[in-house]
C-alpha atoms as a PDB file:
ATOM      1  CA  UNK A   1     -25.660  -1.129  14.666  1.00  0.00           C
ATOM      2  CA  UNK A   2     -28.699  -2.391  12.428  1.00  0.00           C
ATOM      3  CA  UNK A   3     -29.260  -5.197  15.038  1.00  0.00           C
ATOM      4  CA  UNK A   4     -29.604  -2.831  18.036  1.00  0.00           C
ATOM      5  CA  UNK A   5     -32.387  -0.525  18.774  1.00  0.00           C
ATOM      6  CA  UNK A   6     -31.304   3.184  18.047  1.00  0.00           C
ATOM      7  CA  UNK A   7     -32.139   6.011  20.473  1.00  0.00           C
ATOM      8  CA  UNK A   8     -31.803   9.638  19.706  1.00  0.00           C
ATOM      9  CA  UNK A   9     -29.805   9.909  23.135  1.00  0.00           C
ATOM     10  CA  UNK A  10     -28.471   7.591  25.613  1.00  0.00           C
ATOM     11  CA  UNK A  11     -28.069   9.143  29.137  1.00  0.00           C
ATOM     12  CA  UNK A  12     -25.623   7.381  31.574  1.00  0.00           C
ATOM     13  CA  UNK A  13     -26.480   8.467  35.072  1.00  0.00           C
ATOM     14  CA  UNK A  14     -29.705   9.203  36.971  1.00  0.00           C
ATOM     15  CA  UNK A  15     -28.840  12.096  39.129  1.00  0.00           C
ATOM     16  CA  UNK A  16     -29.805  15.711  38.688  1.00  0.00           C
ATOM     17  CA  UNK A  17     -27.906  16.253  35.643  1.00  0.00           C
ATOM     18  CA  UNK A  18     -29.074  13.122  33.887  1.00  0.00           C
ATOM     19  CA  UNK A  19     -32.786  13.409  35.043  1.00  0.00           C
ATOM     20  CA  UNK A  20     -32.908  17.173  33.953  1.00  0.00           C
ATOM     21  CA  UNK A  21     -31.379  16.395  30.581  1.00  0.00           C
ATOM     22  CA  UNK A  22     -34.028  13.642  30.125  1.00  0.00           C
ATOM     23  CA  UNK A  23     -36.826  16.228  30.917  1.00  0.00           C
ATOM     24  CA  UNK A  24     -35.602  18.708  28.318  1.00  0.00           C
ATOM     25  CA  UNK A  25     -35.135  15.994  25.570  1.00  0.00           C
ATOM     26  CA  UNK A  26     -38.534  14.465  26.438  1.00  0.00           C
ATOM     27  CA  UNK A  27     -40.198  17.829  25.878  1.00  0.00           C
ATOM     28  CA  UNK A  28     -38.374  17.979  22.584  1.00  0.00           C
ATOM     29  CA  UNK A  29     -40.066  14.655  21.584  1.00  0.00           C
ATOM     30  CA  UNK A  30     -36.695  12.838  21.426  1.00  0.00           C
ATOM     31  CA  UNK A  31     -36.388   9.180  22.105  1.00  0.00           C
ATOM     32  CA  UNK A  32     -34.312   8.869  25.035  1.00  0.00           C
ATOM     33  CA  UNK A  33     -32.782   5.938  27.221  1.00  0.00           C
ATOM     34  CA  UNK A  34     -31.773   6.883  30.665  1.00  0.00           C
ATOM     35  CA  UNK A  35     -29.588   4.279  32.544  1.00  0.00           C
ATOM     36  CA  UNK A  36     -29.189   4.432  36.109  1.00  0.00           C
ATOM     37  CA  UNK A  37     -26.813   2.092  38.079  1.00  0.00           C
ATOM     38  CA  UNK A  38     -28.437   3.195  41.400  1.00  0.00           C
ATOM     39  CA  UNK A  39     -25.158   4.264  43.098  1.00  0.00           C
ATOM     40  CA  UNK A  40     -25.596   8.078  43.445  1.00  0.00           C
ATOM     41  CA  UNK A  41     -22.639   9.878  44.708  1.00  0.00           C
ATOM     42  CA  UNK A  42     -24.564  11.905  47.266  1.00  0.00           C
ATOM     43  CA  UNK A  43     -26.519   8.843  48.566  1.00  0.00           C
ATOM     44  CA  UNK A  44     -24.981   9.273  52.297  1.00  0.00           C
ATOM     45  CA  UNK A  45     -25.964  12.919  52.308  1.00  0.00           C
ATOM     46  CA  UNK A  46     -28.710  13.985  54.732  1.00  0.00           C
ATOM     47  CA  UNK A  47     -29.973  16.499  52.234  1.00  0.00           C
ATOM     48  CA  UNK A  48     -29.356  18.400  49.112  1.00  0.00           C
ATOM     49  CA  UNK A  49     -28.630  22.036  49.760  1.00  0.00           C
ATOM     50  CA  UNK A  50     -28.240  25.260  47.584  1.00  0.00           C
ATOM     51  CA  UNK A  51     -30.985  23.828  45.296  1.00  0.00           C
ATOM     52  CA  UNK A  52     -33.849  26.645  45.091  1.00  0.00           C
ATOM     53  CA  UNK A  53     -37.228  25.084  46.154  1.00  0.00           C
ATOM     54  CA  UNK A  54     -35.596  21.892  47.145  1.00  0.00           C
ATOM     55  CA  UNK A  55     -33.159  22.996  49.738  1.00  0.00           C
ATOM     56  CA  UNK A  56     -32.716  20.191  52.387  1.00  0.00           C
ATOM     57  CA  UNK A  57     -34.718  17.583  50.365  1.00  0.00           C
ATOM     58  CA  UNK A  58     -33.189  14.046  50.764  1.00  0.00           C
ATOM     59  CA  UNK A  59     -31.283  12.954  47.638  1.00  0.00           C
ATOM     60  CA  UNK A  60     -33.503   9.909  47.077  1.00  0.00           C
ATOM     61  CA  UNK A  61     -36.683  12.127  47.451  1.00  0.00           C
ATOM     62  CA  UNK A  62     -35.297  14.438  44.678  1.00  0.00           C
ATOM     63  CA  UNK A  63     -34.739  11.615  42.409  1.00  0.00           C
ATOM     64  CA  UNK A  64     -38.016  10.050  42.954  1.00  0.00           C
ATOM     65  CA  UNK A  65     -39.824  13.323  42.387  1.00  0.00           C
ATOM     66  CA  UNK A  66     -37.886  13.906  39.018  1.00  0.00           C
ATOM     67  CA  UNK A  67     -38.835  10.336  37.930  1.00  0.00           C
ATOM     68  CA  UNK A  68     -42.439  11.040  38.452  1.00  0.00           C
ATOM     69  CA  UNK A  69     -42.320  14.124  36.409  1.00  0.00           C
ATOM     70  CA  UNK A  70     -40.729  12.260  33.636  1.00  0.00           C
ATOM     71  CA  UNK A  71     -43.671   9.851  33.432  1.00  0.00           C
ATOM     72  CA  UNK A  72     -45.788  11.978  31.030  1.00  0.00           C
ATOM     73  CA  UNK A  73     -42.996  11.867  28.334  1.00  0.00           C
ATOM     74  CA  UNK A  74     -43.491   8.509  26.595  1.00  0.00           C
ATOM     75  CA  UNK A  75     -40.365   9.021  24.533  1.00  0.00           C
ATOM     76  CA  UNK A  76     -38.103   8.712  27.607  1.00  0.00           C
ATOM     77  CA  UNK A  77     -37.348   5.350  28.949  1.00  0.00           C
ATOM     78  CA  UNK A  78     -35.536   4.672  32.284  1.00  0.00           C
ATOM     79  CA  UNK A  79     -33.743   1.491  33.021  1.00  0.00           C
ATOM     80  CA  UNK A  80     -32.202   0.739  36.247  1.00  0.00           C
ATOM     81  CA  UNK A  81     -29.175  -0.786  34.920  1.00  0.00           C
ATOM     82  CA  UNK A  82     -25.382  -0.098  34.651  1.00  0.00           C
ATOM     83  CA  UNK A  83     -23.746   0.827  31.452  1.00  0.00           C
ATOM     84  CA  UNK A  84     -20.702  -1.488  31.061  1.00  0.00           C
ATOM     85  CA  UNK A  85     -19.273  -0.448  27.762  1.00  0.00           C
ATOM     86  CA  UNK A  86     -19.478   2.439  25.230  1.00  0.00           C
ATOM     87  CA  UNK A  87     -17.889   2.838  21.930  1.00  0.00           C
ATOM     88  CA  UNK A  88     -17.919   5.260  19.058  1.00  0.00           C
ATOM     89  CA  UNK A  89     -17.910   4.238  15.467  1.00  0.00           C
ATOM     90  CA  UNK A  90     -18.789   6.451  12.402  1.00  0.00           C
ATOM     91  CA  UNK A  91     -20.124   9.292  14.662  1.00  0.00           C
ATOM     92  CA  UNK A  92     -22.517   6.859  16.352  1.00  0.00           C
ATOM     93  CA  UNK A  93     -22.416   5.065  19.697  1.00  0.00           C
ATOM     94  CA  UNK A  94     -22.913   1.646  20.775  1.00  0.00           C
ATOM     95  CA  UNK A  95     -23.678   1.192  24.507  1.00  0.00           C
ATOM     96  CA  UNK A  96     -23.645  -2.264  26.266  1.00  0.00           C
ATOM     97  CA  UNK A  97     -25.695  -2.794  29.444  1.00  0.00           C
ATOM     98  CA  UNK A  98     -25.085  -5.027  32.492  1.00  0.00           C
ATOM     99  CA  UNK A  99     -27.609  -7.609  31.092  1.00  0.00           C
ATOM    100  CA  UNK A 100     -25.408  -7.717  27.909  1.00  0.00           C
ATOM    101  CA  UNK A 101     -28.106  -5.975  25.867  1.00  0.00           C
ATOM    102  CA  UNK A 102     -26.839  -3.391  23.364  1.00  0.00           C
ATOM    103  CA  UNK A 103     -28.304  -0.287  22.125  1.00  0.00           C
ATOM    104  CA  UNK A 104     -27.409   2.473  19.677  1.00  0.00           C
ATOM    105  CA  UNK A 105     -27.303   6.203  20.112  1.00  0.00           C
ATOM    106  CA  UNK A 106     -26.923   9.157  17.884  1.00  0.00           C
ATOM    107  CA  UNK A 107     -25.690  11.120  21.005  1.00  0.00           C
ATOM    108  CA  UNK A 108     -24.411  10.182  24.227  1.00  0.00           C
ATOM    109  CA  UNK A 109     -24.593  11.930  27.502  1.00  0.00           C
ATOM    110  CA  UNK A 110     -22.467  10.959  30.582  1.00  0.00           C
ATOM    111  CA  UNK A 111     -24.134  12.463  33.713  1.00  0.00           C
ATOM    112  CA  UNK A 112     -22.307  10.392  36.406  1.00  0.00           C
ATOM    113  CA  UNK A 113     -20.536  11.649  39.471  1.00  0.00           C
ATOM    114  CA  UNK A 114     -16.999  11.264  40.200  1.00  0.00           C
ATOM    115  CA  UNK A 115     -15.409   9.172  43.015  1.00  0.00           C
ATOM    116  CA  UNK A 116     -12.899  10.608  45.555  1.00  0.00           C
ATOM    117  CA  UNK A 117     -10.256   8.792  47.542  1.00  0.00           C
ATOM    118  CA  UNK A 118     -11.085   8.946  51.190  1.00  0.00           C
ATOM    119  CA  UNK A 119      -8.134   9.015  53.756  1.00  0.00           C
ATOM    120  CA  UNK A 120      -7.541   5.562  55.209  1.00  0.00           C
ATOM    121  CA  UNK A 121      -8.393   6.539  58.700  1.00  0.00           C
ATOM    122  CA  UNK A 122     -10.658   4.528  60.864  1.00  0.00           C
ATOM    123  CA  UNK A 123     -14.130   6.210  60.973  1.00  0.00           C
ATOM    124  CA  UNK A 124     -13.704   8.398  58.051  1.00  0.00           C
ATOM    125  CA  UNK A 125     -15.778   6.326  55.646  1.00  0.00           C
ATOM    126  CA  UNK A 126     -18.408   5.594  58.396  1.00  0.00           C
ATOM    127  CA  UNK A 127     -18.873   9.202  59.223  1.00  0.00           C
ATOM    128  CA  UNK A 128     -18.871  10.310  55.464  1.00  0.00           C
ATOM    129  CA  UNK A 129     -21.972  12.594  55.064  1.00  0.00           C
ATOM    130  CA  UNK A 130     -22.635  12.573  58.924  1.00  0.00           C
ATOM    131  CA  UNK A 131     -20.042  14.950  60.287  1.00  0.00           C
ATOM    132  CA  UNK A 132     -17.411  14.421  57.616  1.00  0.00           C
ATOM    133  CA  UNK A 133     -17.755  16.393  54.522  1.00  0.00           C
ATOM    134  CA  UNK A 134     -15.865  17.909  51.499  1.00  0.00           C
ATOM    135  CA  UNK A 135     -18.171  20.851  50.469  1.00  0.00           C
ATOM    136  CA  UNK A 136     -18.608  23.747  53.042  1.00  0.00           C
ATOM    137  CA  UNK A 137     -21.168  25.217  50.620  1.00  0.00           C
ATOM    138  CA  UNK A 138     -23.299  22.210  51.052  1.00  0.00           C
ATOM    139  CA  UNK A 139     -22.894  21.465  54.617  1.00  0.00           C
ATOM    140  CA  UNK A 140     -21.153  24.295  56.275  1.00  0.00           C
ATOM    141  CA  UNK A 141     -24.180  26.181  57.229  1.00  0.00           C
ATOM    142  CA  UNK A 142     -25.427  23.318  59.428  1.00  0.00           C
ATOM    143  CA  UNK A 143     -22.128  23.646  61.460  1.00  0.00           C
ATOM    144  CA  UNK A 144     -21.951  27.384  61.485  1.00  0.00           C
ATOM    145  CA  UNK A 145     -20.032  28.769  64.649  1.00  0.00           C
ATOM    146  CA  UNK A 146     -19.290  25.212  65.783  1.00  0.00           C
ATOM    147  CA  UNK A 147     -15.808  23.657  66.490  1.00  0.00           C
ATOM    148  CA  UNK A 148     -14.591  22.585  63.019  1.00  0.00           C
ATOM    149  CA  UNK A 149     -11.473  20.543  61.867  1.00  0.00           C
ATOM    150  CA  UNK A 150      -9.970  20.961  58.442  1.00  0.00           C
ATOM    151  CA  UNK A 151      -8.030  18.132  56.866  1.00  0.00           C
ATOM    152  CA  UNK A 152      -5.340  19.111  54.446  1.00  0.00           C
ATOM    153  CA  UNK A 153      -1.810  19.921  53.734  1.00  0.00           C
ATOM    154  CA  UNK A 154       0.403  22.587  52.209  1.00  0.00           C
ATOM    155  CA  UNK A 155      -0.891  25.568  50.296  1.00  0.00           C
ATOM    156  CA  UNK A 156      -4.212  24.177  49.493  1.00  0.00           C
ATOM    157  CA  UNK A 157      -4.719  23.050  52.919  1.00  0.00           C
ATOM    158  CA  UNK A 158      -4.107  26.662  54.068  1.00  0.00           C
ATOM    159  CA  UNK A 159      -6.470  28.088  51.598  1.00  0.00           C
ATOM    160  CA  UNK A 160      -9.375  25.480  52.381  1.00  0.00           C
ATOM    161  CA  UNK A 161      -8.924  26.271  56.092  1.00  0.00           C
ATOM    162  CA  UNK A 162      -9.164  30.149  55.398  1.00  0.00           C
ATOM    163  CA  UNK A 163     -12.310  29.382  53.269  1.00  0.00           C
ATOM    164  CA  UNK A 164     -14.037  27.932  56.173  1.00  0.00           C
ATOM    165  CA  UNK A 165     -13.858  30.957  58.299  1.00  0.00           C
ATOM    166  CA  UNK A 166     -16.873  31.915  56.518  1.00  0.00           C
ATOM    167  CA  UNK A 167     -18.936  29.440  58.509  1.00  0.00           C
ATOM    168  CA  UNK A 168     -16.865  29.303  61.823  1.00  0.00           C
ATOM    169  CA  UNK A 169     -13.817  30.803  63.420  1.00  0.00           C
ATOM    170  CA  UNK A 170     -13.170  27.884  65.667  1.00  0.00           C
ATOM    171  CA  UNK A 171     -10.982  26.002  63.318  1.00  0.00           C
ATOM    172  CA  UNK A 172      -8.098  23.651  63.517  1.00  0.00           C
ATOM    173  CA  UNK A 173      -6.036  22.550  60.483  1.00  0.00           C
ATOM    174  CA  UNK A 174      -4.960  18.845  60.722  1.00  0.00           C
ATOM    175  CA  UNK A 175      -2.272  17.737  58.394  1.00  0.00           C
ATOM    176  CA  UNK A 176      -1.885  14.247  59.620  1.00  0.00           C
ATOM    177  CA  UNK A 177       1.803  14.339  59.358  1.00  0.00           C
ATOM    178  CA  UNK A 178       4.082  17.149  58.163  1.00  0.00           C
ATOM    179  CA  UNK A 179       2.209  20.143  57.254  1.00  0.00           C
ATOM    180  CA  UNK A 180       4.339  21.232  54.226  1.00  0.00           C
ATOM    181  CA  UNK A 181       3.391  24.780  54.796  1.00  0.00           C
ATOM    182  CA  UNK A 182       5.347  27.599  53.643  1.00  0.00           C
ATOM    183  CA  UNK A 183       6.380  30.557  55.888  1.00  0.00           C
ATOM    184  CA  UNK A 184       3.838  32.471  54.056  1.00  0.00           C
ATOM    185  CA  UNK A 185       1.237  29.937  54.500  1.00  0.00           C
ATOM    186  CA  UNK A 186       1.996  29.818  58.222  1.00  0.00           C
ATOM    187  CA  UNK A 187       1.609  33.409  58.566  1.00  0.00           C
ATOM    188  CA  UNK A 188      -1.633  33.578  56.850  1.00  0.00           C
ATOM    189  CA  UNK A 189      -3.086  30.809  59.276  1.00  0.00           C
ATOM    190  CA  UNK A 190      -1.620  32.648  62.146  1.00  0.00           C
ATOM    191  CA  UNK A 191      -3.407  35.856  61.170  1.00  0.00           C
ATOM    192  CA  UNK A 192      -6.728  33.942  60.822  1.00  0.00           C
ATOM    193  CA  UNK A 193      -6.120  32.426  64.237  1.00  0.00           C
ATOM    194  CA  UNK A 194      -6.157  28.883  62.781  1.00  0.00           C
ATOM    195  CA  UNK A 195      -3.860  26.414  64.751  1.00  0.00           C
ATOM    196  CA  UNK A 196      -2.119  23.498  62.947  1.00  0.00           C
ATOM    197  CA  UNK A 197      -1.789  19.976  64.288  1.00  0.00           C
ATOM    198  CA  UNK A 198       0.654  17.676  62.576  1.00  0.00           C
ATOM    199  CA  UNK A 199       0.064  14.659  64.648  1.00  0.00           C
ATOM    200  CA  UNK A 200      -1.006  11.456  62.937  1.00  0.00           C
ATOM    201  CA  UNK A 201      -4.733  10.950  63.021  1.00  0.00           C
ATOM    202  CA  UNK A 202      -5.488   7.351  64.510  1.00  0.00           C
ATOM    203  CA  UNK A 203      -9.215   7.396  64.099  1.00  0.00           C
ATOM    204  CA  UNK A 204     -12.488   9.559  64.041  1.00  0.00           C
ATOM    205  CA  UNK A 205     -15.147   8.787  66.605  1.00  0.00           C
ATOM    206  CA  UNK A 206     -18.890   9.445  66.507  1.00  0.00           C
ATOM    207  CA  UNK A 207     -22.430   8.300  66.489  1.00  0.00           C
ATOM    208  CA  UNK A 208     -25.894   8.846  65.105  1.00  0.00           C
ATOM    209  CA  UNK A 209     -25.463  12.572  65.592  1.00  0.00           C
ATOM    210  CA  UNK A 210     -22.346  12.646  63.754  1.00  0.00           C
ATOM    211  CA  UNK A 211     -18.555  13.358  64.532  1.00  0.00           C
ATOM    212  CA  UNK A 212     -17.674  13.808  68.097  1.00  0.00           C
ATOM    213  CA  UNK A 213     -13.896  13.589  68.394  1.00  0.00           C
ATOM    214  CA  UNK A 214     -10.736  13.047  66.420  1.00  0.00           C
ATOM    215  CA  UNK A 215      -8.165  10.716  68.238  1.00  0.00           C
ATOM    216  CA  UNK A 216      -4.492  10.954  67.487  1.00  0.00           C
ATOM    217  CA  UNK A 217      -1.790   8.416  67.295  1.00  0.00           C
ATOM    218  CA  UNK A 218      -0.119  10.183  70.359  1.00  0.00           C
ATOM    219  CA  UNK A 219      -3.209   9.374  72.484  1.00  0.00           C
ATOM    220  CA  UNK A 220      -4.582  12.919  72.532  1.00  0.00           C
ATOM    221  CA  UNK A 221      -8.022  13.669  71.289  1.00  0.00           C
ATOM    222  CA  UNK A 222      -9.733  16.702  69.855  1.00  0.00           C
ATOM    223  CA  UNK A 223     -13.556  17.313  70.192  1.00  0.00           C
ATOM    224  CA  UNK A 224     -14.974  18.567  66.878  1.00  0.00           C
ATOM    225  CA  UNK A 225     -18.542  18.738  65.604  1.00  0.00           C
ATOM    226  CA  UNK A 226     -17.368  18.510  61.807  1.00  0.00           C
ATOM    227  CA  UNK A 227     -14.369  17.876  59.729  1.00  0.00           C
ATOM    228  CA  UNK A 228     -14.114  19.258  56.228  1.00  0.00           C
ATOM    229  CA  UNK A 229     -11.433  17.773  53.985  1.00  0.00           C
ATOM    230  CA  UNK A 230      -9.940  18.730  50.615  1.00  0.00           C
ATOM    231  CA  UNK A 231     -10.956  16.229  47.892  1.00  0.00           C
ATOM    232  CA  UNK A 232      -8.510  13.574  46.894  1.00  0.00           C
ATOM    233  CA  UNK A 233      -7.760  12.601  43.417  1.00  0.00           C
ATOM    234  CA  UNK A 234     -10.835  12.297  41.179  1.00  0.00           C
ATOM    235  CA  UNK A 235     -11.633   9.091  39.409  1.00  0.00           C
ATOM    236  CA  UNK A 236     -13.410   9.373  36.128  1.00  0.00           C
ATOM    237  CA  UNK A 237     -15.159   6.087  35.143  1.00  0.00           C
ATOM    238  CA  UNK A 238     -13.064   3.994  32.737  1.00  0.00           C
ATOM    239  CA  UNK A 239     -16.107   4.159  30.312  1.00  0.00           C
ATOM    240  CA  UNK A 240     -15.216   7.749  29.640  1.00  0.00           C
ATOM    241  CA  UNK A 241     -11.458   7.291  29.374  1.00  0.00           C
ATOM    242  CA  UNK A 242     -11.839   4.650  26.836  1.00  0.00           C
ATOM    243  CA  UNK A 243     -13.819   7.061  24.664  1.00  0.00           C
ATOM    244  CA  UNK A 244     -10.644   9.372  24.576  1.00  0.00           C
ATOM    245  CA  UNK A 245     -12.049  12.293  26.439  1.00  0.00           C
ATOM    246  CA  UNK A 246      -9.655  15.168  27.238  1.00  0.00           C
ATOM    247  CA  UNK A 247      -9.193  15.244  31.059  1.00  0.00           C
ATOM    248  CA  UNK A 248      -8.563  18.402  33.142  1.00  0.00           C
ATOM    249  CA  UNK A 249      -5.535  18.455  35.534  1.00  0.00           C
ATOM    250  CA  UNK A 250      -8.091  17.744  38.473  1.00  0.00           C
ATOM    251  CA  UNK A 251      -9.083  14.398  36.732  1.00  0.00           C
ATOM    252  CA  UNK A 252     -12.542  15.638  35.547  1.00  0.00           C
ATOM    253  CA  UNK A 253     -13.569  15.577  31.929  1.00  0.00           C
ATOM    254  CA  UNK A 254     -12.781  18.678  29.949  1.00  0.00           C
ATOM    255  CA  UNK A 255     -15.923  20.135  28.728  1.00  0.00           C
ATOM    256  CA  UNK A 256     -16.501  23.170  26.274  1.00  0.00           C
ATOM    257  CA  UNK A 257     -19.641  25.220  25.382  1.00  0.00           C
ATOM    258  CA  UNK A 258     -22.846  23.306  26.246  1.00  0.00           C
ATOM    259  CA  UNK A 259     -20.969  20.499  27.862  1.00  0.00           C
ATOM    260  CA  UNK A 260     -19.540  19.087  24.501  1.00  0.00           C
ATOM    261  CA  UNK A 261     -16.481  17.082  24.865  1.00  0.00           C
ATOM    262  CA  UNK A 262     -13.504  16.872  22.334  1.00  0.00           C
ATOM    263  CA  UNK A 263     -15.333  13.607  21.039  1.00  0.00           C
ATOM    264  CA  UNK A 264     -17.974  14.663  18.467  1.00  0.00           C
ATOM    265  CA  UNK A 265     -21.722  13.536  19.897  1.00  0.00           C
ATOM    266  CA  UNK A 266     -20.303  13.038  23.508  1.00  0.00           C
ATOM    267  CA  UNK A 267     -21.349  15.255  26.170  1.00  0.00           C
ATOM    268  CA  UNK A 268     -20.575  15.310  29.868  1.00  0.00           C
ATOM    269  CA  UNK A 269     -22.614  17.058  32.370  1.00  0.00           C
ATOM    270  CA  UNK A 270     -22.510  17.151  36.243  1.00  0.00           C
ATOM    271  CA  UNK A 271     -19.810  16.274  38.572  1.00  0.00           C
ATOM    272  CA  UNK A 272     -17.671  14.588  36.132  1.00  0.00           C
ATOM    273  CA  UNK A 273     -17.271  17.813  34.180  1.00  0.00           C
ATOM    274  CA  UNK A 274     -15.224  20.801  35.050  1.00  0.00           C
ATOM    275  CA  UNK A 275     -17.659  23.146  36.970  1.00  0.00           C
ATOM    276  CA  UNK A 276     -18.643  23.567  40.547  1.00  0.00           C
ATOM    277  CA  UNK A 277     -20.037  20.406  41.908  1.00  0.00           C
ATOM    278  CA  UNK A 278     -23.394  21.551  43.333  1.00  0.00           C
ATOM    279  CA  UNK A 279     -26.632  19.514  42.410  1.00  0.00           C
ATOM    280  CA  UNK A 280     -28.308  22.526  40.968  1.00  0.00           C
ATOM    281  CA  UNK A 281     -25.282  23.101  38.818  1.00  0.00           C
ATOM    282  CA  UNK A 282     -25.333  19.476  37.681  1.00  0.00           C
ATOM    283  CA  UNK A 283     -29.104  20.042  36.765  1.00  0.00           C
ATOM    284  CA  UNK A 284     -28.269  23.192  34.795  1.00  0.00           C
ATOM    285  CA  UNK A 285     -25.536  21.536  32.909  1.00  0.00           C
ATOM    286  CA  UNK A 286     -27.903  18.791  32.013  1.00  0.00           C
ATOM    287  CA  UNK A 287     -30.225  21.207  30.658  1.00  0.00           C
ATOM    288  CA  UNK A 288     -27.680  22.861  28.575  1.00  0.00           C
ATOM    289  CA  UNK A 289     -26.405  19.748  27.172  1.00  0.00           C
ATOM    290  CA  UNK A 290     -29.881  18.657  26.265  1.00  0.00           C
ATOM    291  CA  UNK A 291     -30.465  22.040  24.353  1.00  0.00           C
ATOM    292  CA  UNK A 292     -27.197  21.461  22.385  1.00  0.00           C
ATOM    293  CA  UNK A 293     -27.941  17.933  21.655  1.00  0.00           C
ATOM    294  CA  UNK A 294     -31.489  18.592  20.476  1.00  0.00           C
ATOM    295  CA  UNK A 295     -30.104  21.395  18.209  1.00  0.00           C
ATOM    296  CA  UNK A 296     -27.449  18.952  16.651  1.00  0.00           C
ATOM    297  CA  UNK A 297     -30.110  16.366  16.061  1.00  0.00           C
ATOM    298  CA  UNK A 298     -32.472  18.795  14.416  1.00  0.00           C
ATOM    299  CA  UNK A 299     -29.455  20.099  11.950  1.00  0.00           C
ATOM    300  CA  UNK A 300     -28.856  16.450  11.240  1.00  0.00           C
ATOM    301  CA  UNK A 301     -32.362  15.560  10.460  1.00  0.00           C
ATOM    302  CA  UNK A 302     -32.777  18.689   8.130  1.00  0.00           C
ATOM    303  CA  UNK A 303     -29.662  17.672   6.252  1.00  0.00           C
END
């Protein structure tokens, strides 16, 4: 550790959580290194929604503005580089970067998104963020009262389909095979007037305007303006799992008050933690983590 530069805090991730944490810590005069690999989870999104004063702003524009506002804080350094390894020893962290440089940190904040498995269906990935979504709170308003497909199975598929009735009543639940619906779930869907199609999906078709139709293996097609699907299994980066973080049943990191983890000095804010996955919530979690980190550092310095 004596051979490496020591930062008060290293932040891994340059999205809303990491940038807001850097802002708070910069204002606390903390020496901060923010590492951004440049692979934001919302890169394909046409706009960030539900973010007060920034509703509809393009994700890249939000990040550009945030970086500009960090410029006055000379103690905050931003590097466009991936973190490839992190280790903890004697309460301090060693972080290895993609260029093989090593830095030390008194505290470590992971502010990175999670990745989800997309169904292996032609057109799904191409239309992701352009008619295919996973969050109706983020993209439902733009498709209000339009024909919407819901992709899911079983009890969770039923619940998600009924949740979408907030935005449209023209809904079809696509299960891409056996529905796995209980009689009670089938009854709930019937009462909500949501039909169920169990045919296998062959592909999604669309263009610049987004999704246009869903084609089934049977040869039938269904015209829809949007498809919302239940998130697949979460993939927390291996960097975090190697630090022995506790995980939730959904695959995200278990965090506690002020985004603390079970590992002393390690914080996780944003989509990789347990809370609602909104950009504005991620930013708030980054601020809360920064508040707690600064207090811990102050206590350590006084001792």
